[in-house]
């Protein structure tokens, strides 16, 4: 591995942190009645969204909404939804893409 590659990794990591922070702020604004399950886990998106039933899901974050445990899911068409453990899906809002 070259030093330039390591520097690029750092740049990508910094960009990722900024994007994630912006996304988490947006989720907080749109889903203010929802709470992160475990702070560390809920701040890290799930990229392998096969755990959720929401069609066309991009990312999922473990959350608790209205007393139910599940995931806040972002879909490919810009929808922000909550999916509970039973697979029930409630639209929370839209993300301006």
PDB file of N, CA and C in Angstrom:
ATOM      1  N   UNK A   1       0.850  -1.172   0.000  1.00  0.00           N
ATOM      2  CA  UNK A   1       0.000   0.000   0.000  1.00  0.00           C
ATOM      3  C   UNK A   1       0.895   1.233   0.000  1.00  0.00           C
ATOM      4  N   UNK A   2       0.492   2.209  -0.802  1.00  0.00           N
ATOM      5  CA  UNK A   2       1.269   3.436  -0.922  1.00  0.00           C
ATOM      6  C   UNK A   2       0.745   4.486   0.041  1.00  0.00           C
ATOM      7  N   UNK A   3       1.610   5.429   0.382  1.00  0.00           N
ATOM      8  CA  UNK A   3       1.240   6.518   1.283  1.00  0.00           C
ATOM      9  C   UNK A   3       0.093   7.343   0.691  1.00  0.00           C
ATOM     10  N   UNK A   4       0.081   7.538  -0.620  1.00  0.00           N
ATOM     11  CA  UNK A   4      -1.008   8.280  -1.270  1.00  0.00           C
ATOM     12  C   UNK A   4      -2.349   7.583  -1.067  1.00  0.00           C
ATOM     13  N   UNK A   5      -2.345   6.259  -1.090  1.00  0.00           N
ATOM     14  CA  UNK A   5      -3.580   5.502  -0.875  1.00  0.00           C
ATOM     15  C   UNK A   5      -4.084   5.663   0.557  1.00  0.00           C
ATOM     16  N   UNK A   6      -3.173   5.693   1.496  1.00  0.00           N
ATOM     17  CA  UNK A   6      -3.541   5.890   2.896  1.00  0.00           C
ATOM     18  C   UNK A   6      -4.121   7.289   3.102  1.00  0.00           C
ATOM     19  N   UNK A   7      -3.502   8.277   2.470  1.00  0.00           N
ATOM     20  CA  UNK A   7      -4.032   9.645   2.563  1.00  0.00           C
ATOM     21  C   UNK A   7      -5.429   9.722   1.955  1.00  0.00           C
ATOM     22  N   UNK A   8      -5.630   9.035   0.844  1.00  0.00           N
ATOM     23  CA  UNK A   8      -6.944   9.017   0.199  1.00  0.00           C
ATOM     24  C   UNK A   8      -7.978   8.347   1.107  1.00  0.00           C
ATOM     25  N   UNK A   9      -7.574   7.300   1.775  1.00  0.00           N
ATOM     26  CA  UNK A   9      -8.479   6.636   2.723  1.00  0.00           C
ATOM     27  C   UNK A   9      -8.921   7.619   3.804  1.00  0.00           C
ATOM     28  N   UNK A  10      -7.990   8.398   4.287  1.00  0.00           N
ATOM     29  CA  UNK A  10      -8.322   9.388   5.305  1.00  0.00           C
ATOM     30  C   UNK A  10      -9.304  10.420   4.755  1.00  0.00           C
ATOM     31  N   UNK A  11      -9.065  10.891   3.530  1.00  0.00           N
ATOM     32  CA  UNK A  11      -9.965  11.863   2.902  1.00  0.00           C
ATOM     33  C   UNK A  11     -11.368  11.281   2.752  1.00  0.00           C
ATOM     34  N   UNK A  12     -11.445  10.042   2.320  1.00  0.00           N
ATOM     35  CA  UNK A  12     -12.739   9.373   2.159  1.00  0.00           C
ATOM     36  C   UNK A  12     -13.426   9.250   3.511  1.00  0.00           C
ATOM     37  N   UNK A  13     -12.685   8.900   4.543  1.00  0.00           N
ATOM     38  CA  UNK A  13     -13.248   8.788   5.886  1.00  0.00           C
ATOM     39  C   UNK A  13     -13.801  10.105   6.392  1.00  0.00           C
ATOM     40  N   UNK A  14     -13.082  11.183   6.149  1.00  0.00           N
ATOM     41  CA  UNK A  14     -13.547  12.508   6.574  1.00  0.00           C
ATOM     42  C   UNK A  14     -14.806  12.908   5.810  1.00  0.00           C
ATOM     43  N   UNK A  15     -14.833  12.626   4.514  1.00  0.00           N
ATOM     44  CA  UNK A  15     -16.020  12.937   3.713  1.00  0.00           C
ATOM     45  C   UNK A  15     -17.205  12.097   4.189  1.00  0.00           C
ATOM     46  N   UNK A  16     -16.971  10.823   4.467  1.00  0.00           N
ATOM     47  CA  UNK A  16     -18.019   9.937   4.962  1.00  0.00           C
ATOM     48  C   UNK A  16     -18.607  10.474   6.267  1.00  0.00           C
ATOM     49  N   UNK A  17     -17.754  10.900   7.186  1.00  0.00           N
ATOM     50  CA  UNK A  17     -18.228  11.433   8.468  1.00  0.00           C
ATOM     51  C   UNK A  17     -19.121  12.649   8.270  1.00  0.00           C
ATOM     52  N   UNK A  18     -18.753  13.535   7.355  1.00  0.00           N
ATOM     53  CA  UNK A  18     -19.562  14.727   7.086  1.00  0.00           C
ATOM     54  C   UNK A  18     -20.919  14.345   6.506  1.00  0.00           C
ATOM     55  N   UNK A  19     -20.913  13.420   5.548  1.00  0.00           N
ATOM     56  CA  UNK A  19     -22.165  12.979   4.934  1.00  0.00           C
ATOM     57  C   UNK A  19     -23.064  12.284   5.950  1.00  0.00           C
ATOM     58  N   UNK A  20     -22.478  11.425   6.780  1.00  0.00           N
ATOM     59  CA  UNK A  20     -23.250  10.719   7.796  1.00  0.00           C
ATOM     60  C   UNK A  20     -23.840  11.691   8.805  1.00  0.00           C
ATOM     61  N   UNK A  21     -23.074  12.683   9.207  1.00  0.00           N
ATOM     62  CA  UNK A  21     -23.564  13.681  10.150  1.00  0.00           C
ATOM     63  C   UNK A  21     -24.757  14.440   9.562  1.00  0.00           C
ATOM     64  N   UNK A  22     -24.648  14.823   8.308  1.00  0.00           N
ATOM     65  CA  UNK A  22     -25.754  15.519   7.646  1.00  0.00           C
ATOM     66  C   UNK A  22     -26.994  14.634   7.565  1.00  0.00           C
ATOM     67  N   UNK A  23     -26.801  13.376   7.239  1.00  0.00           N
ATOM     68  CA  UNK A  23     -27.915  12.441   7.135  1.00  0.00           C
ATOM     69  C   UNK A  23     -28.575  12.208   8.491  1.00  0.00           C
ATOM     70  N   UNK A  24     -27.777  12.042   9.542  1.00  0.00           N
ATOM     71  CA  UNK A  24     -28.335  11.832  10.885  1.00  0.00           C
ATOM     72  C   UNK A  24     -29.094  13.063  11.361  1.00  0.00           C
ATOM     73  N   UNK A  25     -28.610  14.256  11.028  1.00  0.00           N
ATOM     74  CA  UNK A  25     -29.336  15.485  11.361  1.00  0.00           C
ATOM     75  C   UNK A  25     -30.679  15.527  10.644  1.00  0.00           C
ATOM     76  N   UNK A  26     -30.699  15.115   9.394  1.00  0.00           N
ATOM     77  CA  UNK A  26     -31.936  15.087   8.624  1.00  0.00           C
ATOM     78  C   UNK A  26     -32.922  14.082   9.226  1.00  0.00           C
ATOM     79  N   UNK A  27     -32.426  12.905   9.590  1.00  0.00           N
ATOM     80  CA  UNK A  27     -33.290  11.902  10.221  1.00  0.00           C
ATOM     81  C   UNK A  27     -33.865  12.458  11.516  1.00  0.00           C
ATOM     82  N   UNK A  28     -33.048  13.131  12.296  1.00  0.00           N
ATOM     83  CA  UNK A  28     -33.519  13.705  13.563  1.00  0.00           C
ATOM     84  C   UNK A  28     -34.634  14.730  13.321  1.00  0.00           C
ATOM     85  N   UNK A  29     -34.486  15.531  12.271  1.00  0.00           N
ATOM     86  CA  UNK A  29     -35.502  16.534  11.948  1.00  0.00           C
ATOM     87  C   UNK A  29     -36.807  15.891  11.495  1.00  0.00           C
ATOM     88  N   UNK A  30     -36.706  14.879  10.646  1.00  0.00           N
ATOM     89  CA  UNK A  30     -37.900  14.253  10.071  1.00  0.00           C
ATOM     90  C   UNK A  30     -38.558  13.258  11.023  1.00  0.00           C
ATOM     91  N   UNK A  31     -37.770  12.644  11.884  1.00  0.00           N
ATOM     92  CA  UNK A  31     -38.283  11.594  12.774  1.00  0.00           C
ATOM     93  C   UNK A  31     -38.010  11.978  14.222  1.00  0.00           C
ATOM     94  N   UNK A  32     -38.482  13.146  14.602  1.00  0.00           N
ATOM     95  CA  UNK A  32     -38.176  13.660  15.938  1.00  0.00           C
ATOM     96  C   UNK A  32     -38.817  12.842  17.061  1.00  0.00           C
ATOM     97  N   UNK A  33     -39.821  12.025  16.741  1.00  0.00           N
ATOM     98  CA  UNK A  33     -40.443  11.182  17.760  1.00  0.00           C
ATOM     99  C   UNK A  33     -39.756   9.818  17.877  1.00  0.00           C
ATOM    100  N   UNK A  34     -38.655   9.648  17.182  1.00  0.00           N
ATOM    101  CA  UNK A  34     -37.914   8.380  17.212  1.00  0.00           C
ATOM    102  C   UNK A  34     -36.591   8.557  17.954  1.00  0.00           C
ATOM    103  N   UNK A  35     -36.162   7.466  18.577  1.00  0.00           N
ATOM    104  CA  UNK A  35     -34.905   7.483  19.329  1.00  0.00           C
ATOM    105  C   UNK A  35     -33.979   6.388  18.823  1.00  0.00           C
ATOM    106  N   UNK A  36     -32.700   6.695  18.819  1.00  0.00           N
ATOM    107  CA  UNK A  36     -31.702   5.684  18.475  1.00  0.00           C
ATOM    108  C   UNK A  36     -31.736   4.590  19.531  1.00  0.00           C
ATOM    109  N   UNK A  37     -31.667   3.333  19.103  1.00  0.00           N
ATOM    110  CA  UNK A  37     -31.697   2.225  20.062  1.00  0.00           C
ATOM    111  C   UNK A  37     -30.469   2.248  20.959  1.00  0.00           C
ATOM    112  N   UNK A  38     -29.350   2.044  20.382  1.00  0.00           N
ATOM    113  CA  UNK A  38     -28.068   2.120  21.079  1.00  0.00           C
ATOM    114  C   UNK A  38     -27.276   3.165  20.328  1.00  0.00           C
ATOM    115  N   UNK A  39     -26.814   4.154  21.033  1.00  0.00           N
ATOM    116  CA  UNK A  39     -26.197   5.292  20.356  1.00  0.00           C
ATOM    117  C   UNK A  39     -25.130   4.865  19.356  1.00  0.00           C
ATOM    118  N   UNK A  40     -24.232   3.988  19.754  1.00  0.00           N
ATOM    119  CA  UNK A  40     -23.167   3.576  18.840  1.00  0.00           C
ATOM    120  C   UNK A  40     -23.722   2.853  17.622  1.00  0.00           C
ATOM    121  N   UNK A  41     -24.640   1.908  17.848  1.00  0.00           N
ATOM    122  CA  UNK A  41     -25.194   1.124  16.742  1.00  0.00           C
ATOM    123  C   UNK A  41     -26.079   1.957  15.834  1.00  0.00           C
ATOM    124  N   UNK A  42     -26.856   2.854  16.401  1.00  0.00           N
ATOM    125  CA  UNK A  42     -27.823   3.605  15.612  1.00  0.00           C
ATOM    126  C   UNK A  42     -27.174   4.697  14.777  1.00  0.00           C
ATOM    127  N   UNK A  43     -25.936   5.014  15.066  1.00  0.00           N
ATOM    128  CA  UNK A  43     -25.237   6.011  14.264  1.00  0.00           C
ATOM    129  C   UNK A  43     -24.515   5.378  13.086  1.00  0.00           C
ATOM    130  N   UNK A  44     -24.521   4.054  13.047  1.00  0.00           N
ATOM    131  CA  UNK A  44     -23.858   3.339  11.969  1.00  0.00           C
ATOM    132  C   UNK A  44     -24.921   2.696  11.083  1.00  0.00           C
ATOM    133  N   UNK A  45     -25.000   3.089   9.829  1.00  0.00           N
ATOM    134  CA  UNK A  45     -26.025   2.505   8.960  1.00  0.00           C
ATOM    135  C   UNK A  45     -25.729   1.049   8.630  1.00  0.00           C
ATOM    136  N   UNK A  46     -26.786   0.338   8.311  1.00  0.00           N
ATOM    137  CA  UNK A  46     -26.660  -1.044   7.867  1.00  0.00           C
ATOM    138  C   UNK A  46     -26.685  -1.017   6.345  1.00  0.00           C
ATOM    139  N   UNK A  47     -25.591  -1.429   5.750  1.00  0.00           N
ATOM    140  CA  UNK A  47     -25.485  -1.391   4.298  1.00  0.00           C
ATOM    141  C   UNK A  47     -26.123  -2.626   3.668  1.00  0.00           C
ATOM    142  N   UNK A  48     -26.061  -3.767   4.351  1.00  0.00           N
ATOM    143  CA  UNK A  48     -26.688  -4.996   3.865  1.00  0.00           C
ATOM    144  C   UNK A  48     -28.138  -4.986   4.333  1.00  0.00           C
ATOM    145  N   UNK A  49     -28.981  -4.332   3.566  1.00  0.00           N
ATOM    146  CA  UNK A  49     -30.356  -4.095   3.994  1.00  0.00           C
ATOM    147  C   UNK A  49     -31.275  -5.294   3.763  1.00  0.00           C
ATOM    148  N   UNK A  50     -30.707  -6.471   3.632  1.00  0.00           N
ATOM    149  CA  UNK A  50     -31.523  -7.671   3.472  1.00  0.00           C
ATOM    150  C   UNK A  50     -32.306  -7.978   4.748  1.00  0.00           C
ATOM    151  N   UNK A  51     -31.961  -7.332   5.854  1.00  0.00           N
ATOM    152  CA  UNK A  51     -32.668  -7.532   7.118  1.00  0.00           C
ATOM    153  C   UNK A  51     -34.028  -6.849   7.122  1.00  0.00           C
ATOM    154  N   UNK A  52     -34.242  -5.906   6.222  1.00  0.00           N
ATOM    155  CA  UNK A  52     -35.498  -5.174   6.198  1.00  0.00           C
ATOM    156  C   UNK A  52     -36.328  -5.600   4.985  1.00  0.00           C
ATOM    157  N   UNK A  53     -37.639  -5.417   5.101  1.00  0.00           N
ATOM    158  CA  UNK A  53     -38.544  -5.796   4.019  1.00  0.00           C
ATOM    159  C   UNK A  53     -38.884  -4.622   3.106  1.00  0.00           C
ATOM    160  N   UNK A  54     -38.505  -3.415   3.501  1.00  0.00           N
ATOM    161  CA  UNK A  54     -38.805  -2.228   2.715  1.00  0.00           C
ATOM    162  C   UNK A  54     -38.193  -2.365   1.322  1.00  0.00           C
ATOM    163  N   UNK A  55     -39.029  -2.255   0.276  1.00  0.00           N
ATOM    164  CA  UNK A  55     -38.498  -2.373  -1.090  1.00  0.00           C
ATOM    165  C   UNK A  55     -37.515  -1.248  -1.415  1.00  0.00           C
ATOM    166  N   UNK A  56     -36.509  -1.572  -2.189  1.00  0.00           N
ATOM    167  CA  UNK A  56     -35.529  -0.595  -2.692  1.00  0.00           C
ATOM    168  C   UNK A  56     -34.812   0.165  -1.579  1.00  0.00           C
ATOM    169  N   UNK A  57     -34.514  -0.514  -0.491  1.00  0.00           N
ATOM    170  CA  UNK A  57     -33.839   0.154   0.626  1.00  0.00           C
ATOM    171  C   UNK A  57     -32.356   0.346   0.335  1.00  0.00           C
ATOM    172  N   UNK A  58     -31.859   1.535   0.731  1.00  0.00           N
ATOM    173  CA  UNK A  58     -30.439   1.854   0.563  1.00  0.00           C
ATOM    174  C   UNK A  58     -29.679   1.671   1.866  1.00  0.00           C
ATOM    175  N   UNK A  59     -30.190   2.298   2.924  1.00  0.00           N
ATOM    176  CA  UNK A  59     -29.559   2.238   4.239  1.00  0.00           C
ATOM    177  C   UNK A  59     -30.647   2.052   5.294  1.00  0.00           C
ATOM    178  N   UNK A  60     -30.258   1.448   6.405  1.00  0.00           N
ATOM    179  CA  UNK A  60     -31.180   1.280   7.525  1.00  0.00           C
ATOM    180  C   UNK A  60     -30.438   1.581   8.821  1.00  0.00           C
ATOM    181  N   UNK A  61     -31.146   2.217   9.748  1.00  0.00           N
ATOM    182  CA  UNK A  61     -30.585   2.582  11.044  1.00  0.00           C
ATOM    183  C   UNK A  61     -31.491   2.025  12.138  1.00  0.00           C
ATOM    184  N   UNK A  62     -30.941   1.298  13.122  1.00  0.00           N
ATOM    185  CA  UNK A  62     -31.789   0.768  14.205  1.00  0.00           C
ATOM    186  C   UNK A  62     -32.326   1.886  15.090  1.00  0.00           C
ATOM    187  N   UNK A  63     -33.658   1.974  15.193  1.00  0.00           N
ATOM    188  CA  UNK A  63     -34.335   3.023  15.952  1.00  0.00           C
ATOM    189  C   UNK A  63     -35.555   2.464  16.660  1.00  0.00           C
ATOM    190  N   UNK A  64     -36.097   3.267  17.558  1.00  0.00           N
ATOM    191  CA  UNK A  64     -37.360   2.970  18.225  1.00  0.00           C
ATOM    192  C   UNK A  64     -38.290   4.145  17.953  1.00  0.00           C
ATOM    193  N   UNK A  65     -39.432   3.871  17.334  1.00  0.00           N
ATOM    194  CA  UNK A  65     -40.404   4.911  17.004  1.00  0.00           C
ATOM    195  C   UNK A  65     -41.772   4.515  17.565  1.00  0.00           C
ATOM    196  N   UNK A  66     -42.397   5.450  18.231  1.00  0.00           N
ATOM    197  CA  UNK A  66     -43.730   5.216  18.793  1.00  0.00           C
ATOM    198  C   UNK A  66     -43.786   3.950  19.640  1.00  0.00           C
ATOM    199  N   UNK A  67     -42.724   3.706  20.392  1.00  0.00           N
ATOM    200  CA  UNK A  67     -42.667   2.556  21.288  1.00  0.00           C
ATOM    201  C   UNK A  67     -42.321   1.236  20.629  1.00  0.00           C
ATOM    202  N   UNK A  68     -42.073   1.237  19.320  1.00  0.00           N
ATOM    203  CA  UNK A  68     -41.748   0.001  18.606  1.00  0.00           C
ATOM    204  C   UNK A  68     -40.299   0.024  18.154  1.00  0.00           C
ATOM    205  N   UNK A  69     -39.665  -1.129  18.223  1.00  0.00           N
ATOM    206  CA  UNK A  69     -38.281  -1.280  17.777  1.00  0.00           C
ATOM    207  C   UNK A  69     -38.275  -1.665  16.306  1.00  0.00           C
ATOM    208  N   UNK A  70     -37.341  -1.089  15.568  1.00  0.00           N
ATOM    209  CA  UNK A  70     -37.216  -1.414  14.156  1.00  0.00           C
ATOM    210  C   UNK A  70     -36.096  -0.623  13.517  1.00  0.00           C
ATOM    211  N   UNK A  71     -36.330  -0.223  12.282  1.00  0.00           N
ATOM    212  CA  UNK A  71     -35.306   0.489  11.516  1.00  0.00           C
ATOM    213  C   UNK A  71     -35.903   1.715  10.831  1.00  0.00           C
ATOM    214  N   UNK A  72     -35.150   2.787  10.822  1.00  0.00           N
ATOM    215  CA  UNK A  72     -35.449   3.891   9.915  1.00  0.00           C
ATOM    216  C   UNK A  72     -34.700   3.559   8.637  1.00  0.00           C
ATOM    217  N   UNK A  73     -35.450   3.514   7.545  1.00  0.00           N
ATOM    218  CA  UNK A  73     -34.910   3.069   6.265  1.00  0.00           C
ATOM    219  C   UNK A  73     -35.004   4.208   5.254  1.00  0.00           C
ATOM    220  N   UNK A  74     -33.951   4.349   4.475  1.00  0.00           N
ATOM    221  CA  UNK A  74     -33.943   5.298   3.371  1.00  0.00           C
ATOM    222  C   UNK A  74     -34.015   4.475   2.090  1.00  0.00           C
ATOM    223  N   UNK A  75     -34.966   4.827   1.230  1.00  0.00           N
ATOM    224  CA  UNK A  75     -35.165   4.069  -0.001  1.00  0.00           C
ATOM    225  C   UNK A  75     -34.533   4.770  -1.193  1.00  0.00           C
ATOM    226  N   UNK A  76     -34.415   4.034  -2.272  1.00  0.00           N
ATOM    227  CA  UNK A  76     -33.799   4.568  -3.487  1.00  0.00           C
ATOM    228  C   UNK A  76     -34.588   5.730  -4.085  1.00  0.00           C
ATOM    229  N   UNK A  77     -35.883   5.807  -3.805  1.00  0.00           N
ATOM    230  CA  UNK A  77     -36.683   6.906  -4.341  1.00  0.00           C
ATOM    231  C   UNK A  77     -36.834   8.062  -3.354  1.00  0.00           C
ATOM    232  N   UNK A  78     -35.987   8.070  -2.315  1.00  0.00           N
ATOM    233  CA  UNK A  78     -35.924   9.206  -1.405  1.00  0.00           C
ATOM    234  C   UNK A  78     -36.932   9.206  -0.274  1.00  0.00           C
ATOM    235  N   UNK A  79     -37.558   8.067  -0.022  1.00  0.00           N
ATOM    236  CA  UNK A  79     -38.497   8.000   1.092  1.00  0.00           C
ATOM    237  C   UNK A  79     -37.754   7.649   2.383  1.00  0.00           C
ATOM    238  N   UNK A  80     -38.246   8.215   3.467  1.00  0.00           N
ATOM    239  CA  UNK A  80     -37.742   7.913   4.801  1.00  0.00           C
ATOM    240  C   UNK A  80     -38.879   7.198   5.511  1.00  0.00           C
ATOM    241  N   UNK A  81     -38.658   5.928   5.859  1.00  0.00           N
ATOM    242  CA  UNK A  81     -39.721   5.122   6.460  1.00  0.00           C
ATOM    243  C   UNK A  81     -39.233   4.482   7.745  1.00  0.00           C
ATOM    244  N   UNK A  82     -40.198   4.082   8.571  1.00  0.00           N
ATOM    245  CA  UNK A  82     -39.882   3.277   9.749  1.00  0.00           C
ATOM    246  C   UNK A  82     -40.483   1.902   9.525  1.00  0.00           C
ATOM    247  N   UNK A  83     -39.665   0.878   9.690  1.00  0.00           N
ATOM    248  CA  UNK A  83     -40.118  -0.509   9.590  1.00  0.00           C
ATOM    249  C   UNK A  83     -39.938  -1.165  10.946  1.00  0.00           C
ATOM    250  N   UNK A  84     -41.049  -1.644  11.525  1.00  0.00           N
ATOM    251  CA  UNK A  84     -40.932  -2.295  12.827  1.00  0.00           C
ATOM    252  C   UNK A  84     -40.498  -3.748  12.663  1.00  0.00           C
ATOM    253  N   UNK A  85     -40.301  -4.428  13.777  1.00  0.00           N
ATOM    254  CA  UNK A  85     -39.789  -5.804  13.750  1.00  0.00           C
ATOM    255  C   UNK A  85     -40.734  -6.785  13.062  1.00  0.00           C
ATOM    256  N   UNK A  86     -42.000  -6.405  12.941  1.00  0.00           N
ATOM    257  CA  UNK A  86     -42.976  -7.273  12.288  1.00  0.00           C
ATOM    258  C   UNK A  86     -43.085  -6.996  10.795  1.00  0.00           C
ATOM    259  N   UNK A  87     -42.314  -6.033  10.305  1.00  0.00           N
ATOM    260  CA  UNK A  87     -42.312  -5.716   8.885  1.00  0.00           C
ATOM    261  C   UNK A  87     -43.315  -4.656   8.473  1.00  0.00           C
ATOM    262  N   UNK A  88     -44.011  -4.055   9.440  1.00  0.00           N
ATOM    263  CA  UNK A  88     -44.934  -2.964   9.128  1.00  0.00           C
ATOM    264  C   UNK A  88     -44.133  -1.717   8.775  1.00  0.00           C
ATOM    265  N   UNK A  89     -44.529  -1.051   7.701  1.00  0.00           N
ATOM    266  CA  UNK A  89     -43.776   0.098   7.189  1.00  0.00           C
ATOM    267  C   UNK A  89     -44.648   1.348   7.261  1.00  0.00           C
ATOM    268  N   UNK A  90     -44.090   2.399   7.872  1.00  0.00           N
ATOM    269  CA  UNK A  90     -44.782   3.690   7.999  1.00  0.00           C
ATOM    270  C   UNK A  90     -43.883   4.750   7.374  1.00  0.00           C
ATOM    271  N   UNK A  91     -44.426   5.518   6.434  1.00  0.00           N
ATOM    272  CA  UNK A  91     -43.612   6.587   5.845  1.00  0.00           C
ATOM    273  C   UNK A  91     -43.509   7.749   6.814  1.00  0.00           C
ATOM    274  N   UNK A  92     -42.276   8.204   7.011  1.00  0.00           N
ATOM    275  CA  UNK A  92     -41.994   9.326   7.909  1.00  0.00           C
ATOM    276  C   UNK A  92     -41.906  10.618   7.112  1.00  0.00           C
ATOM    277  N   UNK A  93     -41.319  10.547   5.955  1.00  0.00           N
ATOM    278  CA  UNK A  93     -41.133  11.743   5.152  1.00  0.00           C
ATOM    279  C   UNK A  93     -40.337  11.428   3.895  1.00  0.00           C
ATOM    280  N   UNK A  94     -39.880  12.463   3.263  1.00  0.00           N
ATOM    281  CA  UNK A  94     -39.076  12.360   2.057  1.00  0.00           C
ATOM    282  C   UNK A  94     -37.744  13.060   2.257  1.00  0.00           C
ATOM    283  N   UNK A  95     -36.776  12.606   1.507  1.00  0.00           N
ATOM    284  CA  UNK A  95     -35.469  13.258   1.502  1.00  0.00           C
ATOM    285  C   UNK A  95     -35.350  13.957   0.171  1.00  0.00           C
ATOM    286  N   UNK A  96     -35.039  15.209   0.189  1.00  0.00           N
ATOM    287  CA  UNK A  96     -34.871  15.956  -1.054  1.00  0.00           C
ATOM    288  C   UNK A  96     -33.579  15.522  -1.721  1.00  0.00           C
ATOM    289  N   UNK A  97     -33.742  14.829  -2.822  1.00  0.00           N
ATOM    290  CA  UNK A  97     -32.574  14.306  -3.543  1.00  0.00           C
ATOM    291  C   UNK A  97     -32.339  15.150  -4.776  1.00  0.00           C
TER     292      UNK A  97
END
